Amino acid sequence: MLGIKTRYFNLTRLVEAILMAKTEGSYLKFLNQLEKISLIIIDDFGLQALNKNTKLALLQIMEDRYEKKSLIITSQLPVSKWHEYLEEPSLADAILDRLTARCHRLELKGESRRKRNS
């Protein structure tokens, strides 16, 4: 154990957490909590449509972490399709700029590990 504070989110759960925090009036508190975590993992990026408010929240999370904390994003969607997935050109540029400016990108190929283990 390295003692690194980590938080894992499936993208759907992260979207739900953002919406819940906004509904309850605790959105800034939620963002501040996330900002303190050393590593956030967002899984299944690109599997569900995102509304503008969620994209803005993702941008804020990425902005808060930029050059300070780590973020891992996993996706079945090829990175070349992310701009199209995010739809709105200005927001897509801003989000992808923060994601790709100082990143390590790994593309895995081959059969699903879930398939192999079943």
PDB file of N, CA and C in Angstrom:
ATOM      1  N   MET A   1       0.832  -1.198   0.000  1.00  0.00           N
ATOM      2  CA  MET A   1       0.000   0.000   0.000  1.00  0.00           C
ATOM      3  C   MET A   1       0.872   1.257   0.000  1.00  0.00           C
ATOM      4  N   LEU A   2       0.610   2.112  -0.941  1.00  0.00           N
ATOM      5  CA  LEU A   2       1.373   3.346  -1.050  1.00  0.00           C
ATOM      6  C   LEU A   2       0.709   4.521  -0.337  1.00  0.00           C
ATOM      7  N   GLY A   3      -0.527   4.349   0.071  1.00  0.00           N
ATOM      8  CA  GLY A   3      -1.227   5.410   0.787  1.00  0.00           C
ATOM      9  C   GLY A   3      -1.662   6.566  -0.097  1.00  0.00           C
ATOM     10  N   ILE A   4      -1.835   6.326  -1.387  1.00  0.00           N
ATOM     11  CA  ILE A   4      -2.272   7.378  -2.308  1.00  0.00           C
ATOM     12  C   ILE A   4      -3.802   7.431  -2.298  1.00  0.00           C
ATOM     13  N   LYS A   5      -4.335   8.594  -1.958  1.00  0.00           N
ATOM     14  CA  LYS A   5      -5.795   8.758  -1.967  1.00  0.00           C
ATOM     15  C   LYS A   5      -6.288   8.679  -3.401  1.00  0.00           C
ATOM     16  N   THR A   6      -7.173   7.720  -3.638  1.00  0.00           N
ATOM     17  CA  THR A   6      -7.681   7.465  -4.981  1.00  0.00           C
ATOM     18  C   THR A   6      -9.196   7.372  -4.951  1.00  0.00           C
ATOM     19  N   ARG A   7      -9.805   7.852  -6.009  1.00  0.00           N
ATOM     20  CA  ARG A   7     -11.261   7.744  -6.140  1.00  0.00           C
ATOM     21  C   ARG A   7     -11.561   7.226  -7.532  1.00  0.00           C
ATOM     22  N   TYR A   8     -12.355   6.175  -7.611  1.00  0.00           N
ATOM     23  CA  TYR A   8     -12.749   5.561  -8.869  1.00  0.00           C
ATOM     24  C   TYR A   8     -14.191   5.927  -9.176  1.00  0.00           C
ATOM     25  N   PHE A   9     -14.442   6.324 -10.415  1.00  0.00           N
ATOM     26  CA  PHE A   9     -15.802   6.588 -10.883  1.00  0.00           C
ATOM     27  C   PHE A   9     -16.014   5.913 -12.224  1.00  0.00           C
ATOM     28  N   ASN A  10     -17.073   5.196 -12.374  1.00  0.00           N
ATOM     29  CA  ASN A  10     -17.599   4.865 -13.682  1.00  0.00           C
ATOM     30  C   ASN A  10     -18.199   6.192 -14.147  1.00  0.00           C
ATOM     31  N   LEU A  11     -18.071   6.554 -15.424  1.00  0.00           N
ATOM     32  CA  LEU A  11     -18.547   7.868 -15.872  1.00  0.00           C
ATOM     33  C   LEU A  11     -20.012   8.100 -15.506  1.00  0.00           C
ATOM     34  N   THR A  12     -20.827   7.069 -15.613  1.00  0.00           N
ATOM     35  CA  THR A  12     -22.245   7.207 -15.264  1.00  0.00           C
ATOM     36  C   THR A  12     -22.401   7.623 -13.806  1.00  0.00           C
ATOM     37  N   ARG A  13     -21.633   7.009 -12.913  1.00  0.00           N
ATOM     38  CA  ARG A  13     -21.701   7.360 -11.482  1.00  0.00           C
ATOM     39  C   ARG A  13     -21.176   8.763 -11.223  1.00  0.00           C
ATOM     40  N   LEU A  14     -20.147   9.161 -11.946  1.00  0.00           N
ATOM     41  CA  LEU A  14     -19.637  10.521 -11.786  1.00  0.00           C
ATOM     42  C   LEU A  14     -20.692  11.538 -12.213  1.00  0.00           C
ATOM     43  N   VAL A  15     -21.347  11.281 -13.343  1.00  0.00           N
ATOM     44  CA  VAL A  15     -22.421  12.173 -13.804  1.00  0.00           C
ATOM     45  C   VAL A  15     -23.522  12.245 -12.749  1.00  0.00           C
ATOM     46  N   GLU A  16     -23.908  11.098 -12.184  1.00  0.00           N
ATOM     47  CA  GLU A  16     -24.930  11.077 -11.129  1.00  0.00           C
ATOM     48  C   GLU A  16     -24.472  11.872  -9.911  1.00  0.00           C
ATOM     49  N   ALA A  17     -23.211  11.719  -9.520  1.00  0.00           N
ATOM     50  CA  ALA A  17     -22.694  12.438  -8.354  1.00  0.00           C
ATOM     51  C   ALA A  17     -22.696  13.950  -8.600  1.00  0.00           C
ATOM     52  N   ILE A  18     -22.346  14.364  -9.808  1.00  0.00           N
ATOM     53  CA  ILE A  18     -22.362  15.784 -10.162  1.00  0.00           C
ATOM     54  C   ILE A  18     -23.788  16.325 -10.089  1.00  0.00           C
ATOM     55  N   LEU A  19     -24.729  15.602 -10.695  1.00  0.00           N
ATOM     56  CA  LEU A  19     -26.129  16.045 -10.685  1.00  0.00           C
ATOM     57  C   LEU A  19     -26.686  16.107  -9.266  1.00  0.00           C
ATOM     58  N   MET A  20     -26.359  15.105  -8.459  1.00  0.00           N
ATOM     59  CA  MET A  20     -26.829  15.078  -7.073  1.00  0.00           C
ATOM     60  C   MET A  20     -26.259  16.261  -6.287  1.00  0.00           C
ATOM     61  N   ALA A  21     -24.978  16.522  -6.455  1.00  0.00           N
ATOM     62  CA  ALA A  21     -24.350  17.635  -5.742  1.00  0.00           C
ATOM     63  C   ALA A  21     -24.974  18.966  -6.160  1.00  0.00           C
ATOM     64  N   LYS A  22     -25.252  19.114  -7.445  1.00  0.00           N
ATOM     65  CA  LYS A  22     -25.888  20.355  -7.910  1.00  0.00           C
ATOM     66  C   LYS A  22     -27.297  20.491  -7.339  1.00  0.00           C
ATOM     67  N   THR A  23     -28.036  19.385  -7.315  1.00  0.00           N
ATOM     68  CA  THR A  23     -29.400  19.390  -6.788  1.00  0.00           C
ATOM     69  C   THR A  23     -29.419  19.730  -5.307  1.00  0.00           C
ATOM     70  N   GLU A  24     -28.471  19.166  -4.556  1.00  0.00           N
ATOM     71  CA  GLU A  24     -28.411  19.372  -3.107  1.00  0.00           C
ATOM     72  C   GLU A  24     -27.736  20.679  -2.713  1.00  0.00           C
ATOM     73  N   GLY A  25     -27.168  21.389  -3.675  1.00  0.00           N
ATOM     74  CA  GLY A  25     -26.464  22.633  -3.356  1.00  0.00           C
ATOM     75  C   GLY A  25     -25.074  22.409  -2.792  1.00  0.00           C
ATOM     76  N   SER A  26     -24.503  21.234  -3.022  1.00  0.00           N
ATOM     77  CA  SER A  26     -23.176  20.925  -2.481  1.00  0.00           C
ATOM     78  C   SER A  26     -22.131  20.740  -3.585  1.00  0.00           C
ATOM     79  N   TYR A  27     -22.388  21.336  -4.741  1.00  0.00           N
ATOM     80  CA  TYR A  27     -21.505  21.165  -5.893  1.00  0.00           C
ATOM     81  C   TYR A  27     -20.084  21.663  -5.613  1.00  0.00           C
ATOM     82  N   LEU A  28     -19.948  22.859  -5.055  1.00  0.00           N
ATOM     83  CA  LEU A  28     -18.607  23.380  -4.759  1.00  0.00           C
ATOM     84  C   LEU A  28     -17.889  22.516  -3.729  1.00  0.00           C
ATOM     85  N   LYS A  29     -18.614  22.032  -2.748  1.00  0.00           N
ATOM     86  CA  LYS A  29     -18.035  21.129  -1.751  1.00  0.00           C
ATOM     87  C   LYS A  29     -17.544  19.838  -2.426  1.00  0.00           C
ATOM     88  N   PHE A  30     -18.347  19.300  -3.339  1.00  0.00           N
ATOM     89  CA  PHE A  30     -17.973  18.097  -4.080  1.00  0.00           C
ATOM     90  C   PHE A  30     -16.691  18.341  -4.883  1.00  0.00           C
ATOM     91  N   LEU A  31     -16.629  19.467  -5.599  1.00  0.00           N
ATOM     92  CA  LEU A  31     -15.423  19.793  -6.366  1.00  0.00           C
ATOM     93  C   LEU A  31     -14.204  19.942  -5.459  1.00  0.00           C
ATOM     94  N   ASN A  32     -14.389  20.579  -4.321  1.00  0.00           N
ATOM     95  CA  ASN A  32     -13.280  20.753  -3.375  1.00  0.00           C
ATOM     96  C   ASN A  32     -12.794  19.418  -2.824  1.00  0.00           C
ATOM     97  N   GLN A  33     -13.718  18.491  -2.581  1.00  0.00           N
ATOM     98  CA  GLN A  33     -13.336  17.158  -2.119  1.00  0.00           C
ATOM     99  C   GLN A  33     -12.526  16.430  -3.191  1.00  0.00           C
ATOM    100  N   LEU A  34     -12.978  16.512  -4.421  1.00  0.00           N
ATOM    101  CA  LEU A  34     -12.261  15.860  -5.520  1.00  0.00           C
ATOM    102  C   LEU A  34     -10.870  16.458  -5.713  1.00  0.00           C
ATOM    103  N   GLU A  35     -10.767  17.762  -5.514  1.00  0.00           N
ATOM    104  CA  GLU A  35      -9.487  18.450  -5.718  1.00  0.00           C
ATOM    105  C   GLU A  35      -8.409  17.950  -4.749  1.00  0.00           C
ATOM    106  N   LYS A  36      -8.819  17.454  -3.591  1.00  0.00           N
ATOM    107  CA  LYS A  36      -7.869  16.981  -2.573  1.00  0.00           C
ATOM    108  C   LYS A  36      -7.372  15.562  -2.834  1.00  0.00           C
ATOM    109  N   ILE A  37      -8.030  14.835  -3.719  1.00  0.00           N
ATOM    110  CA  ILE A  37      -7.688  13.437  -3.974  1.00  0.00           C
ATOM    111  C   ILE A  37      -6.512  13.374  -4.955  1.00  0.00           C
ATOM    112  N   SER A  38      -5.515  12.564  -4.628  1.00  0.00           N
ATOM    113  CA  SER A  38      -4.306  12.481  -5.452  1.00  0.00           C
ATOM    114  C   SER A  38      -4.555  11.903  -6.833  1.00  0.00           C
ATOM    115  N   LEU A  39      -5.424  10.906  -6.916  1.00  0.00           N
ATOM    116  CA  LEU A  39      -5.684  10.236  -8.191  1.00  0.00           C
ATOM    117  C   LEU A  39      -7.175   9.973  -8.348  1.00  0.00           C
ATOM    118  N   ILE A  40      -7.716  10.406  -9.470  1.00  0.00           N
ATOM    119  CA  ILE A  40      -9.101  10.087  -9.824  1.00  0.00           C
ATOM    120  C   ILE A  40      -9.063   9.232 -11.082  1.00  0.00           C
ATOM    121  N   ILE A  41      -9.841   8.163 -11.057  1.00  0.00           N
ATOM    122  CA  ILE A  41      -9.966   7.284 -12.210  1.00  0.00           C
ATOM    123  C   ILE A  41     -11.395   7.409 -12.729  1.00  0.00           C
ATOM    124  N   ILE A  42     -11.520   7.736 -14.008  1.00  0.00           N
ATOM    125  CA  ILE A  42     -12.835   7.803 -14.655  1.00  0.00           C
ATOM    126  C   ILE A  42     -12.868   6.697 -15.697  1.00  0.00           C
ATOM    127  N   ASP A  43     -13.758   5.749 -15.497  1.00  0.00           N
ATOM    128  CA  ASP A  43     -13.864   4.574 -16.348  1.00  0.00           C
ATOM    129  C   ASP A  43     -15.043   4.720 -17.315  1.00  0.00           C
ATOM    130  N   ASP A  44     -14.953   4.083 -18.445  1.00  0.00           N
ATOM    131  CA  ASP A  44     -16.029   4.036 -19.446  1.00  0.00           C
ATOM    132  C   ASP A  44     -16.363   5.397 -20.050  1.00  0.00           C
ATOM    133  N   PHE A  45     -15.341   6.230 -20.227  1.00  0.00           N
ATOM    134  CA  PHE A  45     -15.532   7.527 -20.874  1.00  0.00           C
ATOM    135  C   PHE A  45     -16.022   7.294 -22.297  1.00  0.00           C
ATOM    136  N   GLY A  46     -17.078   7.988 -22.681  1.00  0.00           N
ATOM    137  CA  GLY A  46     -17.579   7.904 -24.043  1.00  0.00           C
ATOM    138  C   GLY A  46     -18.747   6.973 -24.242  1.00  0.00           C
ATOM    139  N   LEU A  47     -19.221   6.337 -23.171  1.00  0.00           N
ATOM    140  CA  LEU A  47     -20.322   5.397 -23.325  1.00  0.00           C
ATOM    141  C   LEU A  47     -21.701   6.032 -23.222  1.00  0.00           C
ATOM    142  N   GLN A  48     -21.776   7.227 -22.665  1.00  0.00           N
ATOM    143  CA  GLN A  48     -23.083   7.879 -22.533  1.00  0.00           C
ATOM    144  C   GLN A  48     -22.980   9.321 -22.987  1.00  0.00           C
ATOM    145  N   ALA A  49     -24.078   9.840 -23.486  1.00  0.00           N
ATOM    146  CA  ALA A  49     -24.124  11.240 -23.900  1.00  0.00           C
ATOM    147  C   ALA A  49     -23.991  12.142 -22.673  1.00  0.00           C
ATOM    148  N   LEU A  50     -23.322  13.254 -22.848  1.00  0.00           N
ATOM    149  CA  LEU A  50     -23.138  14.209 -21.750  1.00  0.00           C
ATOM    150  C   LEU A  50     -23.815  15.521 -22.115  1.00  0.00           C
ATOM    151  N   ASN A  51     -24.533  16.086 -21.149  1.00  0.00           N
ATOM    152  CA  ASN A  51     -25.127  17.399 -21.415  1.00  0.00           C
ATOM    153  C   ASN A  51     -24.085  18.487 -21.153  1.00  0.00           C
ATOM    154  N   LYS A  52     -24.409  19.702 -21.523  1.00  0.00           N
ATOM    155  CA  LYS A  52     -23.441  20.801 -21.418  1.00  0.00           C
ATOM    156  C   LYS A  52     -22.985  21.025 -19.984  1.00  0.00           C
ATOM    157  N   ASN A  53     -23.896  20.950 -19.008  1.00  0.00           N
ATOM    158  CA  ASN A  53     -23.512  21.158 -17.610  1.00  0.00           C
ATOM    159  C   ASN A  53     -22.514  20.100 -17.136  1.00  0.00           C
ATOM    160  N   THR A  54     -22.700  18.873 -17.577  1.00  0.00           N
ATOM    161  CA  THR A  54     -21.773  17.811 -17.186  1.00  0.00           C
ATOM    162  C   THR A  54     -20.417  18.024 -17.838  1.00  0.00           C
ATOM    163  N   LYS A  55     -20.413  18.440 -19.090  1.00  0.00           N
ATOM    164  CA  LYS A  55     -19.142  18.727 -19.772  1.00  0.00           C
ATOM    165  C   LYS A  55     -18.410  19.865 -19.065  1.00  0.00           C
ATOM    166  N   LEU A  56     -19.159  20.887 -18.649  1.00  0.00           N
ATOM    167  CA  LEU A  56     -18.543  21.997 -17.915  1.00  0.00           C
ATOM    168  C   LEU A  56     -17.985  21.522 -16.577  1.00  0.00           C
ATOM    169  N   ALA A  57     -18.700  20.610 -15.911  1.00  0.00           N
ATOM    170  CA  ALA A  57     -18.206  20.054 -14.646  1.00  0.00           C
ATOM    171  C   ALA A  57     -16.932  19.248 -14.876  1.00  0.00           C
ATOM    172  N   LEU A  58     -16.901  18.440 -15.929  1.00  0.00           N
ATOM    173  CA  LEU A  58     -15.685  17.690 -16.255  1.00  0.00           C
ATOM    174  C   LEU A  58     -14.517  18.635 -16.523  1.00  0.00           C
ATOM    175  N   LEU A  59     -14.787  19.692 -17.258  1.00  0.00           N
ATOM    176  CA  LEU A  59     -13.754  20.686 -17.532  1.00  0.00           C
ATOM    177  C   LEU A  59     -13.234  21.282 -16.234  1.00  0.00           C
ATOM    178  N   GLN A  60     -14.130  21.586 -15.305  1.00  0.00           N
ATOM    179  CA  GLN A  60     -13.709  22.159 -14.022  1.00  0.00           C
ATOM    180  C   GLN A  60     -12.865  21.174 -13.223  1.00  0.00           C
ATOM    181  N   ILE A  61     -13.272  19.924 -13.199  1.00  0.00           N
ATOM    182  CA  ILE A  61     -12.499  18.892 -12.490  1.00  0.00           C
ATOM    183  C   ILE A  61     -11.105  18.791 -13.097  1.00  0.00           C
ATOM    184  N   MET A  62     -11.030  18.789 -14.418  1.00  0.00           N
ATOM    185  CA  MET A  62      -9.732  18.690 -15.089  1.00  0.00           C
ATOM    186  C   MET A  62      -8.889  19.928 -14.857  1.00  0.00           C
ATOM    187  N   GLU A  63      -9.524  21.082 -14.871  1.00  0.00           N
ATOM    188  CA  GLU A  63      -8.805  22.332 -14.617  1.00  0.00           C
ATOM    189  C   GLU A  63      -8.234  22.343 -13.196  1.00  0.00           C
ATOM    190  N   ASP A  64      -9.029  21.898 -12.229  1.00  0.00           N
ATOM    191  CA  ASP A  64      -8.564  21.863 -10.837  1.00  0.00           C
ATOM    192  C   ASP A  64      -7.377  20.923 -10.657  1.00  0.00           C
ATOM    193  N   ARG A  65      -7.279  19.884 -11.465  1.00  0.00           N
ATOM    194  CA  ARG A  65      -6.234  18.869 -11.335  1.00  0.00           C
ATOM    195  C   ARG A  65      -5.001  19.171 -12.181  1.00  0.00           C
ATOM    196  N   TYR A  66      -5.149  20.022 -13.187  1.00  0.00           N
ATOM    197  CA  TYR A  66      -4.092  20.249 -14.168  1.00  0.00           C
ATOM    198  C   TYR A  66      -2.763  20.620 -13.503  1.00  0.00           C
ATOM    199  N   GLU A  67      -1.753  19.826 -13.780  1.00  0.00           N
ATOM    200  CA  GLU A  67      -0.380  19.975 -13.265  1.00  0.00           C
ATOM    201  C   GLU A  67      -0.283  19.891 -11.742  1.00  0.00           C
ATOM    202  N   LYS A  68      -1.340  19.405 -11.073  1.00  0.00           N
ATOM    203  CA  LYS A  68      -1.305  19.278  -9.613  1.00  0.00           C
ATOM    204  C   LYS A  68      -1.586  17.862  -9.151  1.00  0.00           C
ATOM    205  N   LYS A  69      -2.581  17.222  -9.739  1.00  0.00           N
ATOM    206  CA  LYS A  69      -3.029  15.897  -9.310  1.00  0.00           C
ATOM    207  C   LYS A  69      -3.207  15.022 -10.543  1.00  0.00           C
ATOM    208  N   SER A  70      -3.329  13.727 -10.318  1.00  0.00           N
ATOM    209  CA  SER A  70      -3.403  12.779 -11.433  1.00  0.00           C
ATOM    210  C   SER A  70      -4.830  12.376 -11.773  1.00  0.00           C
ATOM    211  N   LEU A  71      -5.007  12.042 -13.035  1.00  0.00           N
ATOM    212  CA  LEU A  71      -6.290  11.616 -13.556  1.00  0.00           C
ATOM    213  C   LEU A  71      -6.039  10.495 -14.560  1.00  0.00           C
ATOM    214  N   ILE A  72      -6.776   9.411 -14.418  1.00  0.00           N
ATOM    215  CA  ILE A  72      -6.729   8.317 -15.376  1.00  0.00           C
ATOM    216  C   ILE A  72      -8.109   8.202 -15.993  1.00  0.00           C
ATOM    217  N   ILE A  73      -8.154   8.163 -17.319  1.00  0.00           N
ATOM    218  CA  ILE A  73      -9.418   7.981 -18.024  1.00  0.00           C
ATOM    219  C   ILE A  73      -9.292   6.727 -18.864  1.00  0.00           C
ATOM    220  N   THR A  74     -10.273   5.836 -18.734  1.00  0.00           N
ATOM    221  CA  THR A  74     -10.312   4.641 -19.573  1.00  0.00           C
ATOM    222  C   THR A  74     -11.518   4.740 -20.484  1.00  0.00           C
ATOM    223  N   SER A  75     -11.379   4.165 -21.674  1.00  0.00           N
ATOM    224  CA  SER A  75     -12.448   4.277 -22.653  1.00  0.00           C
ATOM    225  C   SER A  75     -12.342   3.179 -23.688  1.00  0.00           C
ATOM    226  N   GLN A  76     -13.484   2.728 -24.151  1.00  0.00           N
ATOM    227  CA  GLN A  76     -13.540   1.846 -25.314  1.00  0.00           C
ATOM    228  C   GLN A  76     -13.526   2.678 -26.593  1.00  0.00           C
ATOM    229  N   LEU A  77     -13.843   3.953 -26.466  1.00  0.00           N
ATOM    230  CA  LEU A  77     -13.901   4.861 -27.601  1.00  0.00           C
ATOM    231  C   LEU A  77     -12.489   5.326 -27.951  1.00  0.00           C
ATOM    232  N   PRO A  78     -12.068   5.164 -29.192  1.00  0.00           N
ATOM    233  CA  PRO A  78     -10.723   5.623 -29.568  1.00  0.00           C
ATOM    234  C   PRO A  78     -10.554   7.121 -29.317  1.00  0.00           C
ATOM    235  N   VAL A  79      -9.394   7.525 -28.885  1.00  0.00           N
ATOM    236  CA  VAL A  79      -9.125   8.927 -28.579  1.00  0.00           C
ATOM    237  C   VAL A  79      -9.428   9.814 -29.787  1.00  0.00           C
ATOM    238  N   SER A  80      -9.218   9.295 -30.973  1.00  0.00           N
ATOM    239  CA  SER A  80      -9.495  10.070 -32.191  1.00  0.00           C
ATOM    240  C   SER A  80     -10.976  10.448 -32.324  1.00  0.00           C
ATOM    241  N   LYS A  81     -11.855   9.800 -31.583  1.00  0.00           N
ATOM    242  CA  LYS A  81     -13.301  10.071 -31.634  1.00  0.00           C
ATOM    243  C   LYS A  81     -13.777  10.936 -30.464  1.00  0.00           C
ATOM    244  N   TRP A  82     -12.898  11.260 -29.525  1.00  0.00           N
ATOM    245  CA  TRP A  82     -13.312  12.001 -28.335  1.00  0.00           C
ATOM    246  C   TRP A  82     -13.846  13.392 -28.663  1.00  0.00           C
ATOM    247  N   HIS A  83     -13.209  14.089 -29.594  1.00  0.00           N
ATOM    248  CA  HIS A  83     -13.669  15.435 -29.945  1.00  0.00           C
ATOM    249  C   HIS A  83     -15.097  15.369 -30.482  1.00  0.00           C
ATOM    250  N   GLU A  84     -15.346  14.422 -31.347  1.00  0.00           N
ATOM    251  CA  GLU A  84     -16.689  14.215 -31.906  1.00  0.00           C
ATOM    252  C   GLU A  84     -17.684  13.843 -30.801  1.00  0.00           C
ATOM    253  N   TYR A  85     -17.268  12.994 -29.875  1.00  0.00           N
ATOM    254  CA  TYR A  85     -18.125  12.570 -28.760  1.00  0.00           C
ATOM    255  C   TYR A  85     -18.540  13.769 -27.900  1.00  0.00           C
ATOM    256  N   LEU A  86     -17.610  14.672 -27.660  1.00  0.00           N
ATOM    257  CA  LEU A  86     -17.902  15.827 -26.806  1.00  0.00           C
ATOM    258  C   LEU A  86     -18.726  16.888 -27.535  1.00  0.00           C
ATOM    259  N   GLU A  87     -18.847  16.780 -28.838  1.00  0.00           N
ATOM    260  CA  GLU A  87     -19.731  17.559 -29.706  1.00  0.00           C
ATOM    261  C   GLU A  87     -19.436  19.046 -29.784  1.00  0.00           C
ATOM    262  N   GLU A  88     -19.502  19.756 -28.711  1.00  0.00           N
ATOM    263  CA  GLU A  88     -19.355  21.209 -28.741  1.00  0.00           C
ATOM    264  C   GLU A  88     -17.874  21.562 -28.910  1.00  0.00           C
ATOM    265  N   PRO A  89     -17.497  22.131 -30.060  1.00  0.00           N
ATOM    266  CA  PRO A  89     -16.079  22.343 -30.374  1.00  0.00           C
ATOM    267  C   PRO A  89     -15.276  23.090 -29.309  1.00  0.00           C
ATOM    268  N   SER A  90     -15.802  24.177 -28.773  1.00  0.00           N
ATOM    269  CA  SER A  90     -15.033  24.951 -27.780  1.00  0.00           C
ATOM    270  C   SER A  90     -14.803  24.157 -26.506  1.00  0.00           C
ATOM    271  N   LEU A  91     -15.864  23.519 -26.016  1.00  0.00           N
ATOM    272  CA  LEU A  91     -15.729  22.701 -24.809  1.00  0.00           C
ATOM    273  C   LEU A  91     -14.831  21.492 -25.063  1.00  0.00           C
ATOM    274  N   ALA A  92     -15.008  20.860 -26.202  1.00  0.00           N
ATOM    275  CA  ALA A  92     -14.180  19.703 -26.543  1.00  0.00           C
ATOM    276  C   ALA A  92     -12.719  20.109 -26.594  1.00  0.00           C
ATOM    277  N   ASP A  93     -12.416  21.244 -27.216  1.00  0.00           N
ATOM    278  CA  ASP A  93     -11.027  21.732 -27.275  1.00  0.00           C
ATOM    279  C   ASP A  93     -10.467  21.956 -25.881  1.00  0.00           C
ATOM    280  N   ALA A  94     -11.246  22.592 -25.023  1.00  0.00           N
ATOM    281  CA  ALA A  94     -10.783  22.898 -23.668  1.00  0.00           C
ATOM    282  C   ALA A  94     -10.546  21.624 -22.861  1.00  0.00           C
ATOM    283  N   ILE A  95     -11.477  20.687 -22.932  1.00  0.00           N
ATOM    284  CA  ILE A  95     -11.339  19.434 -22.182  1.00  0.00           C
ATOM    285  C   ILE A  95     -10.154  18.634 -22.704  1.00  0.00           C
ATOM    286  N   LEU A  96     -10.074  18.475 -24.008  1.00  0.00           N
ATOM    287  CA  LEU A  96      -9.003  17.663 -24.581  1.00  0.00           C
ATOM    288  C   LEU A  96      -7.637  18.319 -24.416  1.00  0.00           C
ATOM    289  N   ASP A  97      -7.600  19.637 -24.409  1.00  0.00           N
ATOM    290  CA  ASP A  97      -6.339  20.335 -24.172  1.00  0.00           C
ATOM    291  C   ASP A  97      -5.792  19.990 -22.792  1.00  0.00           C
ATOM    292  N   ARG A  98      -6.653  19.967 -21.796  1.00  0.00           N
ATOM    293  CA  ARG A  98      -6.212  19.641 -20.439  1.00  0.00           C
ATOM    294  C   ARG A  98      -5.858  18.167 -20.301  1.00  0.00           C
ATOM    295  N   LEU A  99      -6.537  17.331 -21.058  1.00  0.00           N
ATOM    296  CA  LEU A  99      -6.259  15.892 -20.987  1.00  0.00           C
ATOM    297  C   LEU A  99      -4.984  15.497 -21.708  1.00  0.00           C
ATOM    298  N   THR A 100      -4.695  16.154 -22.805  1.00  0.00           N
ATOM    299  CA  THR A 100      -3.589  15.688 -23.634  1.00  0.00           C
ATOM    300  C   THR A 100      -2.294  16.475 -23.474  1.00  0.00           C
ATOM    301  N   ALA A 101      -2.333  17.620 -22.816  1.00  0.00           N
ATOM    302  CA  ALA A 101      -1.146  18.469 -22.713  1.00  0.00           C
ATOM    303  C   ALA A 101       0.003  17.787 -21.974  1.00  0.00           C
ATOM    304  N   ARG A 102      -0.280  17.079 -20.926  1.00  0.00           N
ATOM    305  CA  ARG A 102       0.771  16.424 -20.140  1.00  0.00           C
ATOM    306  C   ARG A 102       0.308  15.019 -19.770  1.00  0.00           C
ATOM    307  N   CYS A 103       0.160  14.188 -20.777  1.00  0.00           N
ATOM    308  CA  CYS A 103      -0.411  12.878 -20.506  1.00  0.00           C
ATOM    309  C   CYS A 103       0.479  11.754 -21.003  1.00  0.00           C
ATOM    310  N   HIS A 104       0.199  10.590 -20.505  1.00  0.00           N
ATOM    311  CA  HIS A 104       0.768   9.351 -21.008  1.00  0.00           C
ATOM    312  C   HIS A 104      -0.416   8.573 -21.555  1.00  0.00           C
ATOM    313  N   ARG A 105      -0.309   8.167 -22.786  1.00  0.00           N
ATOM    314  CA  ARG A 105      -1.433   7.481 -23.429  1.00  0.00           C
ATOM    315  C   ARG A 105      -1.056   6.039 -23.722  1.00  0.00           C
ATOM    316  N   LEU A 106      -1.895   5.137 -23.273  1.00  0.00           N
ATOM    317  CA  LEU A 106      -1.689   3.718 -23.515  1.00  0.00           C
ATOM    318  C   LEU A 106      -2.881   3.184 -24.283  1.00  0.00           C
ATOM    319  N   GLU A 107      -2.623   2.540 -25.400  1.00  0.00           N
ATOM    320  CA  GLU A 107      -3.696   1.900 -26.149  1.00  0.00           C
ATOM    321  C   GLU A 107      -3.502   0.402 -26.042  1.00  0.00           C
ATOM    322  N   LEU A 108      -4.491  -0.252 -25.482  1.00  0.00           N
ATOM    323  CA  LEU A 108      -4.429  -1.695 -25.318  1.00  0.00           C
ATOM    324  C   LEU A 108      -5.148  -2.367 -26.469  1.00  0.00           C
ATOM    325  N   LYS A 109      -4.582  -3.440 -26.928  1.00  0.00           N
ATOM    326  CA  LYS A 109      -5.203  -4.191 -28.015  1.00  0.00           C
ATOM    327  C   LYS A 109      -5.344  -5.632 -27.577  1.00  0.00           C
ATOM    328  N   GLY A 110      -6.243  -6.307 -28.223  1.00  0.00           N
ATOM    329  CA  GLY A 110      -6.424  -7.716 -27.915  1.00  0.00           C
ATOM    330  C   GLY A 110      -7.809  -7.994 -27.384  1.00  0.00           C
ATOM    331  N   GLU A 111      -7.993  -9.236 -27.027  1.00  0.00           N
ATOM    332  CA  GLU A 111      -9.268  -9.712 -26.538  1.00  0.00           C
ATOM    333  C   GLU A 111      -9.566  -9.173 -25.126  1.00  0.00           C
ATOM    334  N   SER A 112     -10.829  -9.011 -24.835  1.00  0.00           N
ATOM    335  CA  SER A 112     -11.252  -8.552 -23.527  1.00  0.00           C
ATOM    336  C   SER A 112     -10.795  -9.508 -22.429  1.00  0.00           C
ATOM    337  N   ARG A 113     -10.277  -8.970 -21.359  1.00  0.00           N
ATOM    338  CA  ARG A 113      -9.878  -9.805 -20.222  1.00  0.00           C
ATOM    339  C   ARG A 113     -11.104 -10.435 -19.576  1.00  0.00           C
ATOM    340  N   ARG A 114     -12.229  -9.773 -19.650  1.00  0.00           N
ATOM    341  CA  ARG A 114     -13.449 -10.340 -19.096  1.00  0.00           C
ATOM    342  C   ARG A 114     -13.826 -11.606 -19.875  1.00  0.00           C
ATOM    343  N   LYS A 115     -13.638 -11.574 -21.164  1.00  0.00           N
ATOM    344  CA  LYS A 115     -13.929 -12.724 -22.006  1.00  0.00           C
ATOM    345  C   LYS A 115     -13.043 -13.907 -21.618  1.00  0.00           C
ATOM    346  N   ARG A 116     -11.770 -13.619 -21.411  1.00  0.00           N
ATOM    347  CA  ARG A 116     -10.809 -14.663 -21.070  1.00  0.00           C
ATOM    348  C   ARG A 116     -11.087 -15.283 -19.709  1.00  0.00           C
ATOM    349  N   ASN A 117     -11.568 -14.478 -18.767  1.00  0.00           N
ATOM    350  CA  ASN A 117     -11.781 -14.965 -17.407  1.00  0.00           C
ATOM    351  C   ASN A 117     -13.112 -15.695 -17.221  1.00  0.00           C
ATOM    352  N   SER A 118     -13.979 -15.681 -18.226  1.00  0.00           N
ATOM    353  CA  SER A 118     -15.283 -16.329 -18.040  1.00  0.00           C
ATOM    354  C   SER A 118     -15.292 -17.753 -18.508  1.00  0.00           C
TER     355      SER A 118
END
